[in-house]
PDB file of N, CA and C in Angstrom:
ATOM      1  N   MET A   1    -130.368  17.715  -7.576  1.00  0.00           N
ATOM      2  CA  MET A   1    -128.959  18.047  -7.420  1.00  0.00           C
ATOM      3  C   MET A   1    -128.826  19.342  -6.626  1.00  0.00           C
ATOM      4  N   ILE A   2    -127.684  19.494  -6.026  1.00  0.00           N
ATOM      5  CA  ILE A   2    -127.394  20.653  -5.181  1.00  0.00           C
ATOM      6  C   ILE A   2    -126.232  21.421  -5.803  1.00  0.00           C
ATOM      7  N   TRP A   3    -126.310  22.750  -5.797  1.00  0.00           N
ATOM      8  CA  TRP A   3    -125.214  23.596  -6.253  1.00  0.00           C
ATOM      9  C   TRP A   3    -124.128  23.569  -5.177  1.00  0.00           C
ATOM     10  N   CYS A   4    -122.867  23.403  -5.579  1.00  0.00           N
ATOM     11  CA  CYS A   4    -121.771  23.233  -4.626  1.00  0.00           C
ATOM     12  C   CYS A   4    -121.580  24.477  -3.756  1.00  0.00           C
ATOM     13  N   PRO A   5    -121.681  24.311  -2.439  1.00  0.00           N
ATOM     14  CA  PRO A   5    -121.489  25.445  -1.540  1.00  0.00           C
ATOM     15  C   PRO A   5    -120.020  25.828  -1.368  1.00  0.00           C
ATOM     16  N   ARG A   6    -119.122  24.956  -1.780  1.00  0.00           N
ATOM     17  CA  ARG A   6    -117.690  25.240  -1.618  1.00  0.00           C
ATOM     18  C   ARG A   6    -117.140  26.047  -2.794  1.00  0.00           C
ATOM     19  N   CYS A   7    -117.314  25.565  -4.023  1.00  0.00           N
ATOM     20  CA  CYS A   7    -116.747  26.269  -5.178  1.00  0.00           C
ATOM     21  C   CYS A   7    -117.761  27.176  -5.872  1.00  0.00           C
ATOM     22  N   GLU A   8    -119.048  26.906  -5.634  1.00  0.00           N
ATOM     23  CA  GLU A   8    -120.136  27.657  -6.266  1.00  0.00           C
ATOM     24  C   GLU A   8    -120.036  27.653  -7.784  1.00  0.00           C
ATOM     25  N   GLN A   9    -119.521  26.547  -8.350  1.00  0.00           N
ATOM     26  CA  GLN A   9    -119.361  26.454  -9.802  1.00  0.00           C
ATOM     27  C   GLN A   9    -119.820  25.116 -10.372  1.00  0.00           C
ATOM     28  N   GLY A  10    -120.261  24.190  -9.534  1.00  0.00           N
ATOM     29  CA  GLY A  10    -120.635  22.876 -10.041  1.00  0.00           C
ATOM     30  C   GLY A  10    -121.759  22.249  -9.248  1.00  0.00           C
ATOM     31  N   TRP A  11    -122.283  21.169  -9.805  1.00  0.00           N
ATOM     32  CA  TRP A  11    -123.353  20.414  -9.164  1.00  0.00           C
ATOM     33  C   TRP A  11    -122.786  19.317  -8.275  1.00  0.00           C
ATOM     34  N   VAL A  12    -123.451  19.087  -7.169  1.00  0.00           N
ATOM     35  CA  VAL A  12    -123.101  18.013  -6.246  1.00  0.00           C
ATOM     36  C   VAL A  12    -124.047  16.848  -6.519  1.00  0.00           C
ATOM     37  N   ILE A  13    -123.465  15.675  -6.694  1.00  0.00           N
ATOM     38  CA  ILE A  13    -124.258  14.487  -6.995  1.00  0.00           C
ATOM     39  C   ILE A  13    -123.960  13.376  -6.001  1.00  0.00           C
ATOM     40  N   ALA A  14    -124.860  12.428  -5.914  1.00  0.00           N
ATOM     41  CA  ALA A  14    -124.617  11.218  -5.122  1.00  0.00           C
ATOM     42  C   ALA A  14    -123.822  10.251  -5.997  1.00  0.00           C
ATOM     43  N   ALA A  15    -122.856   9.581  -5.393  1.00  0.00           N
ATOM     44  CA  ALA A  15    -122.016   8.647  -6.132  1.00  0.00           C
ATOM     45  C   ALA A  15    -121.513   7.557  -5.193  1.00  0.00           C
ATOM     46  N   ARG A  16    -120.860   6.572  -5.796  1.00  0.00           N
ATOM     47  CA  ARG A  16    -120.183   5.547  -5.014  1.00  0.00           C
ATOM     48  C   ARG A  16    -118.992   5.058  -5.821  1.00  0.00           C
ATOM     49  N   VAL A  17    -118.016   4.519  -5.115  1.00  0.00           N
ATOM     50  CA  VAL A  17    -116.861   3.910  -5.765  1.00  0.00           C
ATOM     51  C   VAL A  17    -117.329   2.564  -6.309  1.00  0.00           C
ATOM     52  N   LYS A  18    -117.010   2.278  -7.559  1.00  0.00           N
ATOM     53  CA  LYS A  18    -117.403   0.999  -8.140  1.00  0.00           C
ATOM     54  C   LYS A  18    -116.891  -0.138  -7.265  1.00  0.00           C
ATOM     55  N   GLU A  19    -117.677  -1.167  -7.126  1.00  0.00           N
ATOM     56  CA  GLU A  19    -117.396  -2.346  -6.315  1.00  0.00           C
ATOM     57  C   GLU A  19    -117.502  -2.099  -4.811  1.00  0.00           C
ATOM     58  N   ARG A  20    -118.052  -0.949  -4.429  1.00  0.00           N
ATOM     59  CA  ARG A  20    -118.265  -0.650  -3.010  1.00  0.00           C
ATOM     60  C   ARG A  20    -119.719  -0.225  -2.827  1.00  0.00           C
ATOM     61  N   ASP A  21    -120.217  -0.352  -1.598  1.00  0.00           N
ATOM     62  CA  ASP A  21    -121.611  -0.020  -1.335  1.00  0.00           C
ATOM     63  C   ASP A  21    -121.825   1.362  -0.730  1.00  0.00           C
ATOM     64  N   ASP A  22    -120.803   1.918  -0.076  1.00  0.00           N
ATOM     65  CA  ASP A  22    -120.996   3.190   0.604  1.00  0.00           C
ATOM     66  C   ASP A  22    -121.131   4.325  -0.410  1.00  0.00           C
ATOM     67  N   THR A  23    -122.071   5.222  -0.123  1.00  0.00           N
ATOM     68  CA  THR A  23    -122.319   6.347  -1.014  1.00  0.00           C
ATOM     69  C   THR A  23    -121.814   7.635  -0.377  1.00  0.00           C
ATOM     70  N   PHE A  24    -121.627   8.639  -1.207  1.00  0.00           N
ATOM     71  CA  PHE A  24    -121.154   9.938  -0.753  1.00  0.00           C
ATOM     72  C   PHE A  24    -121.631  10.985  -1.743  1.00  0.00           C
ATOM     73  N   MET A  25    -121.429  12.232  -1.413  1.00  0.00           N
ATOM     74  CA  MET A  25    -121.758  13.344  -2.294  1.00  0.00           C
ATOM     75  C   MET A  25    -120.452  13.910  -2.836  1.00  0.00           C
ATOM     76  N   VAL A  26    -120.438  14.294  -4.126  1.00  0.00           N
ATOM     77  CA  VAL A  26    -119.225  14.830  -4.732  1.00  0.00           C
ATOM     78  C   VAL A  26    -119.589  15.934  -5.713  1.00  0.00           C
ATOM     79  N   CYS A  27    -118.794  16.999  -5.728  1.00  0.00           N
ATOM     80  CA  CYS A  27    -118.991  18.098  -6.668  1.00  0.00           C
ATOM     81  C   CYS A  27    -118.359  17.730  -8.005  1.00  0.00           C
ATOM     82  N   LYS A  28    -119.104  17.887  -9.076  1.00  0.00           N
ATOM     83  CA  LYS A  28    -118.619  17.533 -10.410  1.00  0.00           C
ATOM     84  C   LYS A  28    -117.592  18.543 -10.929  1.00  0.00           C
ATOM     85  N   GLU A  29    -117.455  19.679 -10.268  1.00  0.00           N
ATOM     86  CA  GLU A  29    -116.511  20.698 -10.704  1.00  0.00           C
ATOM     87  C   GLU A  29    -115.214  20.689  -9.899  1.00  0.00           C
ATOM     88  N   CYS A  30    -115.311  20.747  -8.565  1.00  0.00           N
ATOM     89  CA  CYS A  30    -114.106  20.887  -7.734  1.00  0.00           C
ATOM     90  C   CYS A  30    -113.673  19.587  -7.064  1.00  0.00           C
ATOM     91  N   ASP A  31    -114.426  18.498  -7.271  1.00  0.00           N
ATOM     92  CA  ASP A  31    -114.084  17.178  -6.721  1.00  0.00           C
ATOM     93  C   ASP A  31    -114.071  17.132  -5.198  1.00  0.00           C
ATOM     94  N   THR A  32    -114.843  17.980  -4.552  1.00  0.00           N
ATOM     95  CA  THR A  32    -114.984  17.915  -3.100  1.00  0.00           C
ATOM     96  C   THR A  32    -115.944  16.787  -2.758  1.00  0.00           C
ATOM     97  N   VAL A  33    -115.592  16.001  -1.739  1.00  0.00           N
ATOM     98  CA  VAL A  33    -116.406  14.867  -1.305  1.00  0.00           C
ATOM     99  C   VAL A  33    -116.925  15.129   0.100  1.00  0.00           C
ATOM    100  N   TRP A  34    -118.222  14.872   0.288  1.00  0.00           N
ATOM    101  CA  TRP A  34    -118.841  14.903   1.610  1.00  0.00           C
ATOM    102  C   TRP A  34    -119.293  13.497   1.912  1.00  0.00           C
ATOM    103  N   GLU A  35    -118.733  12.905   2.944  1.00  0.00           N
ATOM    104  CA  GLU A  35    -119.050  11.519   3.276  1.00  0.00           C
ATOM    105  C   GLU A  35    -120.342  11.391   4.069  1.00  0.00           C
ATOM    106  N   ASP A  36    -120.638  12.358   4.887  1.00  0.00           N
ATOM    107  CA  ASP A  36    -121.822  12.308   5.746  1.00  0.00           C
ATOM    108  C   ASP A  36    -122.598  13.611   5.654  1.00  0.00           C
ATOM    109  N   GLY A  37    -123.889  13.503   5.533  1.00  0.00           N
ATOM    110  CA  GLY A  37    -124.732  14.683   5.575  1.00  0.00           C
ATOM    111  C   GLY A  37    -124.722  15.503   4.312  1.00  0.00           C
ATOM    112  N   ASP A  38    -125.340  16.663   4.412  1.00  0.00           N
ATOM    113  CA  ASP A  38    -125.471  17.553   3.278  1.00  0.00           C
ATOM    114  C   ASP A  38    -124.189  18.330   3.026  1.00  0.00           C
ATOM    115  N   PRO A  39    -123.920  18.672   1.771  1.00  0.00           N
ATOM    116  CA  PRO A  39    -122.740  19.473   1.442  1.00  0.00           C
ATOM    117  C   PRO A  39    -122.781  20.842   2.110  1.00  0.00           C
ATOM    118  N   VAL A  40    -121.647  21.227   2.684  1.00  0.00           N
ATOM    119  CA  VAL A  40    -121.500  22.537   3.311  1.00  0.00           C
ATOM    120  C   VAL A  40    -120.183  23.151   2.860  1.00  0.00           C
ATOM    121  N   ALA A  41    -120.065  24.465   2.983  1.00  0.00           N
ATOM    122  CA  ALA A  41    -118.884  25.179   2.499  1.00  0.00           C
ATOM    123  C   ALA A  41    -117.650  24.922   3.359  1.00  0.00           C
ATOM    124  N   LYS A  42    -117.856  24.596   4.623  1.00  0.00           N
ATOM    125  CA  LYS A  42    -116.726  24.375   5.533  1.00  0.00           C
ATOM    126  C   LYS A  42    -116.554  22.883   5.797  1.00  0.00           C
ATOM    127  N   ALA A  43    -115.382  22.523   6.316  1.00  0.00           N
ATOM    128  CA  ALA A  43    -115.109  21.124   6.658  1.00  0.00           C
ATOM    129  C   ALA A  43    -116.203  20.624   7.598  1.00  0.00           C
ATOM    130  N   PRO A  44    -116.562  19.344   7.589  1.00  0.00           N
ATOM    131  CA  PRO A  44    -115.754  18.225   7.119  1.00  0.00           C
ATOM    132  C   PRO A  44    -116.022  17.864   5.657  1.00  0.00           C
ATOM    133  N   TYR A  45    -114.987  17.849   4.894  1.00  0.00           N
ATOM    134  CA  TYR A  45    -115.015  17.343   3.535  1.00  0.00           C
ATOM    135  C   TYR A  45    -113.603  16.925   3.175  1.00  0.00           C
ATOM    136  N   VAL A  46    -113.465  16.147   2.103  1.00  0.00           N
ATOM    137  CA  VAL A  46    -112.156  15.738   1.599  1.00  0.00           C
ATOM    138  C   VAL A  46    -112.180  15.928   0.087  1.00  0.00           C
ATOM    139  N   ILE A  47    -111.021  15.905  -0.522  1.00  0.00           N
ATOM    140  CA  ILE A  47    -110.914  15.990  -1.968  1.00  0.00           C
ATOM    141  C   ILE A  47    -110.985  14.571  -2.534  1.00  0.00           C
ATOM    142  N   LEU A  48    -111.567  14.435  -3.709  1.00  0.00           N
ATOM    143  CA  LEU A  48    -111.787  13.126  -4.317  1.00  0.00           C
ATOM    144  C   LEU A  48    -110.516  12.289  -4.374  1.00  0.00           C
ATOM    145  N   GLU A  49    -109.388  12.884  -4.698  1.00  0.00           N
ATOM    146  CA  GLU A  49    -108.121  12.142  -4.768  1.00  0.00           C
ATOM    147  C   GLU A  49    -107.812  11.464  -3.433  1.00  0.00           C
ATOM    148  N   GLU A  50    -107.977  12.193  -2.348  1.00  0.00           N
ATOM    149  CA  GLU A  50    -107.721  11.646  -1.005  1.00  0.00           C
ATOM    150  C   GLU A  50    -108.725  10.547  -0.667  1.00  0.00           C
ATOM    151  N   TYR A  51    -109.973  10.763  -1.005  1.00  0.00           N
ATOM    152  CA  TYR A  51    -111.013   9.775  -0.721  1.00  0.00           C
ATOM    153  C   TYR A  51    -110.749   8.471  -1.466  1.00  0.00           C
ATOM    154  N   MET A  52    -110.432   8.563  -2.749  1.00  0.00           N
ATOM    155  CA  MET A  52    -110.212   7.375  -3.572  1.00  0.00           C
ATOM    156  C   MET A  52    -108.944   6.624  -3.164  1.00  0.00           C
ATOM    157  N   ALA A  53    -107.943   7.343  -2.662  1.00  0.00           N
ATOM    158  CA  ALA A  53    -106.694   6.707  -2.229  1.00  0.00           C
ATOM    159  C   ALA A  53    -106.948   5.706  -1.099  1.00  0.00           C
ATOM    160  N   ARG A  54    -107.968   5.941  -0.309  1.00  0.00           N
ATOM    161  CA  ARG A  54    -108.317   5.012   0.776  1.00  0.00           C
ATOM    162  C   ARG A  54    -108.623   3.612   0.253  1.00  0.00           C
ATOM    163  N   PHE A  55    -109.083   3.550  -0.991  1.00  0.00           N
ATOM    164  CA  PHE A  55    -109.483   2.282  -1.589  1.00  0.00           C
ATOM    165  C   PHE A  55    -108.493   1.811  -2.646  1.00  0.00           C
ATOM    166  N   GLY A  56    -107.348   2.472  -2.724  1.00  0.00           N
ATOM    167  CA  GLY A  56    -106.320   2.087  -3.671  1.00  0.00           C
ATOM    168  C   GLY A  56    -106.680   2.385  -5.116  1.00  0.00           C
ATOM    169  N   LYS A  57    -107.514   3.413  -5.324  1.00  0.00           N
ATOM    170  CA  LYS A  57    -107.948   3.781  -6.668  1.00  0.00           C
ATOM    171  C   LYS A  57    -107.561   5.220  -6.973  1.00  0.00           C
ATOM    172  N   SER A  58    -107.436   5.511  -8.262  1.00  0.00           N
ATOM    173  CA  SER A  58    -107.149   6.886  -8.667  1.00  0.00           C
ATOM    174  C   SER A  58    -108.439   7.700  -8.637  1.00  0.00           C
ATOM    175  N   GLN A  59    -108.300   9.012  -8.732  1.00  0.00           N
ATOM    176  CA  GLN A  59    -109.453   9.893  -8.629  1.00  0.00           C
ATOM    177  C   GLN A  59    -110.239  10.025  -9.928  1.00  0.00           C
ATOM    178  N   LEU A  60    -109.983   9.164 -10.895  1.00  0.00           N
ATOM    179  CA  LEU A  60    -110.688   9.227 -12.161  1.00  0.00           C
ATOM    180  C   LEU A  60    -112.182   8.960 -11.969  1.00  0.00           C
ATOM    181  N   TRP A  61    -112.999   9.729 -12.655  1.00  0.00           N
ATOM    182  CA  TRP A  61    -114.445   9.568 -12.546  1.00  0.00           C
ATOM    183  C   TRP A  61    -114.904   8.228 -13.114  1.00  0.00           C
ATOM    184  N   THR A  62    -114.078   7.573 -13.914  1.00  0.00           N
ATOM    185  CA  THR A  62    -114.440   6.244 -14.431  1.00  0.00           C
ATOM    186  C   THR A  62    -114.455   5.204 -13.312  1.00  0.00           C
ATOM    187  N   ASN A  63    -113.856   5.521 -12.169  1.00  0.00           N
ATOM    188  CA  ASN A  63    -113.879   4.628 -11.008  1.00  0.00           C
ATOM    189  C   ASN A  63    -115.112   4.842 -10.140  1.00  0.00           C
ATOM    190  N   LEU A  64    -115.963   5.800 -10.536  1.00  0.00           N
ATOM    191  CA  LEU A  64    -117.171   6.112  -9.774  1.00  0.00           C
ATOM    192  C   LEU A  64    -118.411   5.681 -10.534  1.00  0.00           C
ATOM    193  N   GLU A  65    -119.446   5.422  -9.779  1.00  0.00           N
ATOM    194  CA  GLU A  65    -120.758   5.232 -10.351  1.00  0.00           C
ATOM    195  C   GLU A  65    -121.619   6.397  -9.880  1.00  0.00           C
ATOM    196  N   GLN A  66    -122.122   7.185 -10.815  1.00  0.00           N
ATOM    197  CA  GLN A  66    -122.991   8.296 -10.469  1.00  0.00           C
ATOM    198  C   GLN A  66    -124.367   7.743 -10.178  1.00  0.00           C
ATOM    199  N   LEU A  67    -124.908   8.100  -9.030  1.00  0.00           N
ATOM    200  CA  LEU A  67    -126.219   7.607  -8.627  1.00  0.00           C
ATOM    201  C   LEU A  67    -127.330   8.565  -9.006  1.00  0.00           C
ATOM    202  N   GLU A  68    -126.939   9.763  -9.406  1.00  0.00           N
ATOM    203  CA  GLU A  68    -127.886  10.771  -9.910  1.00  0.00           C
ATOM    204  C   GLU A  68    -127.101  11.758 -10.740  1.00  0.00           C
ATOM    205  N   GLY A  69    -127.800  12.560 -11.502  1.00  0.00           N
ATOM    206  CA  GLY A  69    -127.137  13.609 -12.291  1.00  0.00           C
ATOM    207  C   GLY A  69    -126.534  13.063 -13.480  1.00  0.00           C
TER     208      GLY A  69
END
């Protein structure tokens, strides 16, 4: 796991939206999502709510499958 470079308060884990195959990285504390590459403090990143809205789902962690952590 990686310590979040954005909030510096949580762990970043690999995850995916249930029923989808694409994976991403997400901070368990601030809900920042990195779709490509390693987590960095500056953009490009999105907030989990915005990311999940693309798939018509709420930002609840029950809609995610944690792949590590």
